[in-house]
Each structure stands twice: as C-alpha cells, then as structure tokens.
C-alpha cells in the first residue's frame, strides 16, 4: 500500500472524504462528477482528484454511491 501524505490534501478534500464516509456522496455519470446530498459539489475537480488519488471509488461498476478506499480511510484516520 502506498504511503499517503495527508498535507497534500486540503481541508475541503478531507471534508468530502468525511461526507463519503457518512454515505452522503455519489459519483455521477459525468467524468469525476461528485454529488453531495444530491447536489453537485462546488469544487468541480474534487471527485477527479480523490478518485485519481485512490481515496474514493464507486461502490459498484459505473455511477452510484461513493465509498472510501482503504487509503481514503487511512487518510481520515491520520487526520
């Protein structure tokens, strides 16, 4: 497992990770689109950033509920 440097992620990134952990987020059909409480996230790049970093993923194949990966959970635990 790769080492995650928590300083590389903003407080907004960590807030989104907490929202994902609480079951409040979905990855949309749009590339990297992230919905929080059914609304588009104000940071249009956060979904791509966290997915590319391996911190979140779709719960199934395709769009749907977002879930934390083991790396995403580790980052939250370290914060």
N, C-alpha and C. Protein backbone atom coordinates (compact mmCIF):
# COMPACT_ATOMS: atom_id res chain seq x y z
N UNK A 1 0.85 -1.17 0.00
CA UNK A 1 0.00 0.00 0.00
C UNK A 1 0.90 1.24 0.00
N UNK A 2 0.54 2.21 -0.80
CA UNK A 2 1.33 3.44 -0.92
C UNK A 2 1.13 4.32 0.31
N UNK A 3 2.15 5.06 0.66
CA UNK A 3 2.08 6.00 1.76
C UNK A 3 1.35 7.25 1.29
N UNK A 4 0.42 7.72 2.08
CA UNK A 4 -0.35 8.91 1.75
C UNK A 4 0.18 10.07 2.56
N UNK A 5 0.48 11.15 1.91
CA UNK A 5 0.94 12.35 2.59
C UNK A 5 -0.28 13.24 2.81
N UNK A 6 -0.75 13.30 4.04
CA UNK A 6 -2.00 14.00 4.32
C UNK A 6 -1.92 15.49 4.06
N UNK A 7 -0.72 16.08 4.12
CA UNK A 7 -0.59 17.51 3.87
C UNK A 7 -0.88 17.87 2.41
N UNK A 8 -0.87 16.89 1.52
CA UNK A 8 -1.12 17.14 0.10
C UNK A 8 -2.60 17.38 -0.17
N UNK A 9 -3.44 17.13 0.81
CA UNK A 9 -4.88 17.27 0.63
C UNK A 9 -5.41 18.40 1.49
N UNK A 10 -6.31 19.17 0.92
CA UNK A 10 -6.85 20.35 1.61
C UNK A 10 -7.89 19.94 2.65
N UNK A 11 -8.27 20.89 3.45
CA UNK A 11 -9.34 20.64 4.42
C UNK A 11 -10.65 20.33 3.70
N UNK A 12 -10.84 20.92 2.51
CA UNK A 12 -12.03 20.61 1.71
C UNK A 12 -12.00 19.15 1.28
N UNK A 13 -10.84 18.67 0.85
CA UNK A 13 -10.71 17.26 0.45
C UNK A 13 -11.08 16.35 1.62
N UNK A 14 -10.57 16.67 2.80
CA UNK A 14 -10.88 15.85 3.97
C UNK A 14 -12.37 15.94 4.35
N UNK A 15 -12.97 17.11 4.16
CA UNK A 15 -14.41 17.25 4.44
C UNK A 15 -15.22 16.38 3.48
N UNK A 16 -14.82 16.34 2.22
CA UNK A 16 -15.51 15.49 1.25
C UNK A 16 -15.31 14.02 1.62
N UNK A 17 -14.12 13.64 2.05
CA UNK A 17 -13.90 12.27 2.49
C UNK A 17 -14.81 11.91 3.66
N UNK A 18 -14.99 12.84 4.59
CA UNK A 18 -15.90 12.59 5.71
C UNK A 18 -17.34 12.42 5.22
N UNK A 19 -17.74 13.22 4.22
CA UNK A 19 -19.09 13.11 3.65
C UNK A 19 -19.26 11.76 2.95
N UNK A 20 -18.22 11.31 2.25
CA UNK A 20 -18.27 9.98 1.61
C UNK A 20 -18.41 8.91 2.69
N UNK A 21 -17.63 9.01 3.75
CA UNK A 21 -17.70 8.04 4.84
C UNK A 21 -19.08 7.99 5.48
N UNK A 22 -19.77 9.14 5.50
CA UNK A 22 -21.11 9.22 6.07
C UNK A 22 -22.19 8.75 5.10
N UNK A 23 -21.79 8.36 3.88
CA UNK A 23 -22.77 7.87 2.90
C UNK A 23 -23.55 8.96 2.21
N UNK A 24 -23.02 10.17 2.16
CA UNK A 24 -23.75 11.31 1.59
C UNK A 24 -23.36 11.62 0.16
N UNK A 25 -22.45 10.83 -0.47
CA UNK A 25 -21.93 11.18 -1.79
C UNK A 25 -22.17 10.11 -2.83
N UNK A 26 -22.29 10.56 -4.07
CA UNK A 26 -22.40 9.68 -5.23
C UNK A 26 -21.46 10.16 -6.30
N UNK A 27 -20.90 9.23 -7.04
CA UNK A 27 -20.14 9.58 -8.24
C UNK A 27 -21.15 9.58 -9.38
N UNK A 28 -21.17 10.65 -10.15
CA UNK A 28 -22.15 10.78 -11.22
C UNK A 28 -21.61 10.16 -12.51
N UNK A 29 -22.45 10.10 -13.52
CA UNK A 29 -22.07 9.54 -14.81
C UNK A 29 -21.05 10.43 -15.51
N UNK A 30 -21.04 11.72 -15.19
CA UNK A 30 -20.06 12.62 -15.77
C UNK A 30 -18.69 12.27 -15.21
N UNK A 31 -17.67 12.42 -16.02
CA UNK A 31 -16.32 12.05 -15.62
C UNK A 31 -15.93 12.75 -14.33
N UNK A 32 -15.82 11.97 -13.26
CA UNK A 32 -15.37 12.52 -11.99
C UNK A 32 -16.38 13.36 -11.25
N UNK A 33 -17.59 13.48 -11.76
CA UNK A 33 -18.60 14.30 -11.09
C UNK A 33 -18.96 13.72 -9.74
N UNK A 34 -19.05 14.58 -8.75
CA UNK A 34 -19.36 14.14 -7.39
C UNK A 34 -20.59 14.89 -6.91
N UNK A 35 -21.55 14.16 -6.41
CA UNK A 35 -22.74 14.75 -5.82
C UNK A 35 -22.67 14.57 -4.31
N UNK A 36 -22.97 15.64 -3.59
CA UNK A 36 -23.03 15.60 -2.13
C UNK A 36 -24.45 15.97 -1.75
N UNK A 37 -25.11 15.09 -1.04
CA UNK A 37 -26.52 15.29 -0.68
C UNK A 37 -27.37 15.58 -1.91
N UNK A 38 -27.05 14.92 -3.04
CA UNK A 38 -27.83 15.05 -4.26
C UNK A 38 -27.53 16.28 -5.09
N UNK A 39 -26.60 17.11 -4.66
CA UNK A 39 -26.26 18.32 -5.39
C UNK A 39 -24.80 18.27 -5.84
N UNK A 40 -24.52 18.91 -6.97
CA UNK A 40 -23.14 18.95 -7.47
C UNK A 40 -22.23 19.63 -6.46
N UNK A 41 -21.08 19.04 -6.27
CA UNK A 41 -20.10 19.61 -5.35
C UNK A 41 -19.59 20.93 -5.91
N UNK A 42 -19.37 21.91 -5.05
CA UNK A 42 -18.93 23.23 -5.50
C UNK A 42 -17.52 23.19 -6.09
N UNK A 43 -16.72 22.22 -5.70
CA UNK A 43 -15.38 22.05 -6.25
C UNK A 43 -15.49 21.00 -7.35
N UNK A 44 -15.52 21.45 -8.60
CA UNK A 44 -15.78 20.53 -9.71
C UNK A 44 -14.67 19.51 -9.92
N UNK A 45 -13.52 19.72 -9.31
CA UNK A 45 -12.39 18.82 -9.51
C UNK A 45 -12.14 17.86 -8.35
N UNK A 46 -12.85 18.01 -7.25
CA UNK A 46 -12.58 17.19 -6.07
C UNK A 46 -12.85 15.71 -6.34
N UNK A 47 -13.88 15.39 -7.09
CA UNK A 47 -14.17 13.99 -7.39
C UNK A 47 -13.05 13.34 -8.18
N UNK A 48 -12.57 14.06 -9.20
CA UNK A 48 -11.46 13.55 -10.00
C UNK A 48 -10.20 13.43 -9.15
N UNK A 49 -9.93 14.45 -8.35
CA UNK A 49 -8.72 14.48 -7.52
C UNK A 49 -8.70 13.30 -6.54
N UNK A 50 -9.81 13.05 -5.86
CA UNK A 50 -9.85 12.00 -4.86
C UNK A 50 -9.93 10.60 -5.49
N UNK A 51 -10.59 10.50 -6.63
CA UNK A 51 -10.64 9.22 -7.34
C UNK A 51 -9.27 8.86 -7.90
N UNK A 52 -8.62 9.84 -8.54
CA UNK A 52 -7.30 9.62 -9.11
C UNK A 52 -6.28 9.27 -8.03
N UNK A 53 -6.42 9.87 -6.87
CA UNK A 53 -5.52 9.60 -5.75
C UNK A 53 -5.81 8.24 -5.11
N UNK A 54 -6.91 7.60 -5.52
CA UNK A 54 -7.25 6.29 -4.97
C UNK A 54 -7.90 6.36 -3.61
N UNK A 55 -8.50 7.50 -3.27
CA UNK A 55 -9.11 7.67 -1.95
C UNK A 55 -10.60 7.35 -1.93
N UNK A 56 -11.26 7.51 -3.08
CA UNK A 56 -12.68 7.15 -3.19
C UNK A 56 -12.87 6.34 -4.47
N UNK A 57 -13.97 5.60 -4.50
CA UNK A 57 -14.32 4.81 -5.68
C UNK A 57 -15.82 4.62 -5.68
N UNK A 58 -16.36 4.21 -6.82
CA UNK A 58 -17.78 3.89 -6.89
C UNK A 58 -18.01 2.58 -6.15
N UNK A 59 -19.14 2.48 -5.48
CA UNK A 59 -19.45 1.27 -4.72
C UNK A 59 -19.64 0.07 -5.65
N UNK A 60 -20.09 0.31 -6.87
CA UNK A 60 -20.27 -0.75 -7.85
C UNK A 60 -19.63 -0.34 -9.15
N UNK A 61 -20.03 -0.99 -10.22
CA UNK A 61 -19.50 -0.58 -11.53
C UNK A 61 -20.37 0.55 -12.07
N UNK A 62 -19.73 1.62 -12.50
CA UNK A 62 -20.47 2.75 -13.04
C UNK A 62 -20.84 3.74 -11.96
N UNK A 63 -21.69 4.71 -12.31
CA UNK A 63 -22.08 5.74 -11.34
C UNK A 63 -22.89 5.14 -10.19
N UNK A 64 -22.81 5.80 -9.07
CA UNK A 64 -23.56 5.34 -7.91
C UNK A 64 -22.91 5.82 -6.64
N UNK A 65 -23.28 5.21 -5.52
CA UNK A 65 -22.73 5.65 -4.24
C UNK A 65 -21.21 5.60 -4.22
N UNK A 66 -20.63 6.63 -3.62
CA UNK A 66 -19.18 6.67 -3.47
C UNK A 66 -18.81 5.97 -2.18
N UNK A 67 -17.63 5.37 -2.16
CA UNK A 67 -17.14 4.72 -0.94
C UNK A 67 -15.68 5.09 -0.75
N UNK A 68 -15.26 5.07 0.48
CA UNK A 68 -13.84 5.28 0.77
C UNK A 68 -13.07 4.02 0.43
N UNK A 69 -11.89 4.17 -0.10
CA UNK A 69 -10.99 3.05 -0.25
C UNK A 69 -10.22 2.90 1.06
N UNK A 70 -9.42 1.86 1.17
CA UNK A 70 -8.60 1.68 2.37
C UNK A 70 -7.66 2.88 2.55
N UNK A 71 -7.14 3.41 1.45
CA UNK A 71 -6.26 4.58 1.52
C UNK A 71 -7.03 5.81 2.00
N UNK A 72 -8.26 5.98 1.53
CA UNK A 72 -9.08 7.10 1.97
C UNK A 72 -9.39 7.02 3.45
N UNK A 73 -9.68 5.82 3.94
CA UNK A 73 -9.94 5.63 5.37
C UNK A 73 -8.68 5.91 6.17
N UNK A 74 -7.53 5.47 5.67
CA UNK A 74 -6.26 5.73 6.36
C UNK A 74 -5.98 7.22 6.46
N UNK A 75 -6.28 7.96 5.39
CA UNK A 75 -6.07 9.41 5.44
C UNK A 75 -6.94 10.06 6.48
N UNK A 76 -8.21 9.64 6.56
CA UNK A 76 -9.11 10.21 7.57
C UNK A 76 -8.64 9.84 8.98
N UNK A 77 -8.20 8.61 9.15
CA UNK A 77 -7.74 8.17 10.47
C UNK A 77 -6.51 8.96 10.91
N UNK A 78 -5.67 9.35 9.94
CA UNK A 78 -4.44 10.07 10.25
C UNK A 78 -4.69 11.55 10.53
N UNK A 79 -5.85 12.06 10.10
CA UNK A 79 -6.13 13.50 10.22
C UNK A 79 -6.49 13.87 11.64
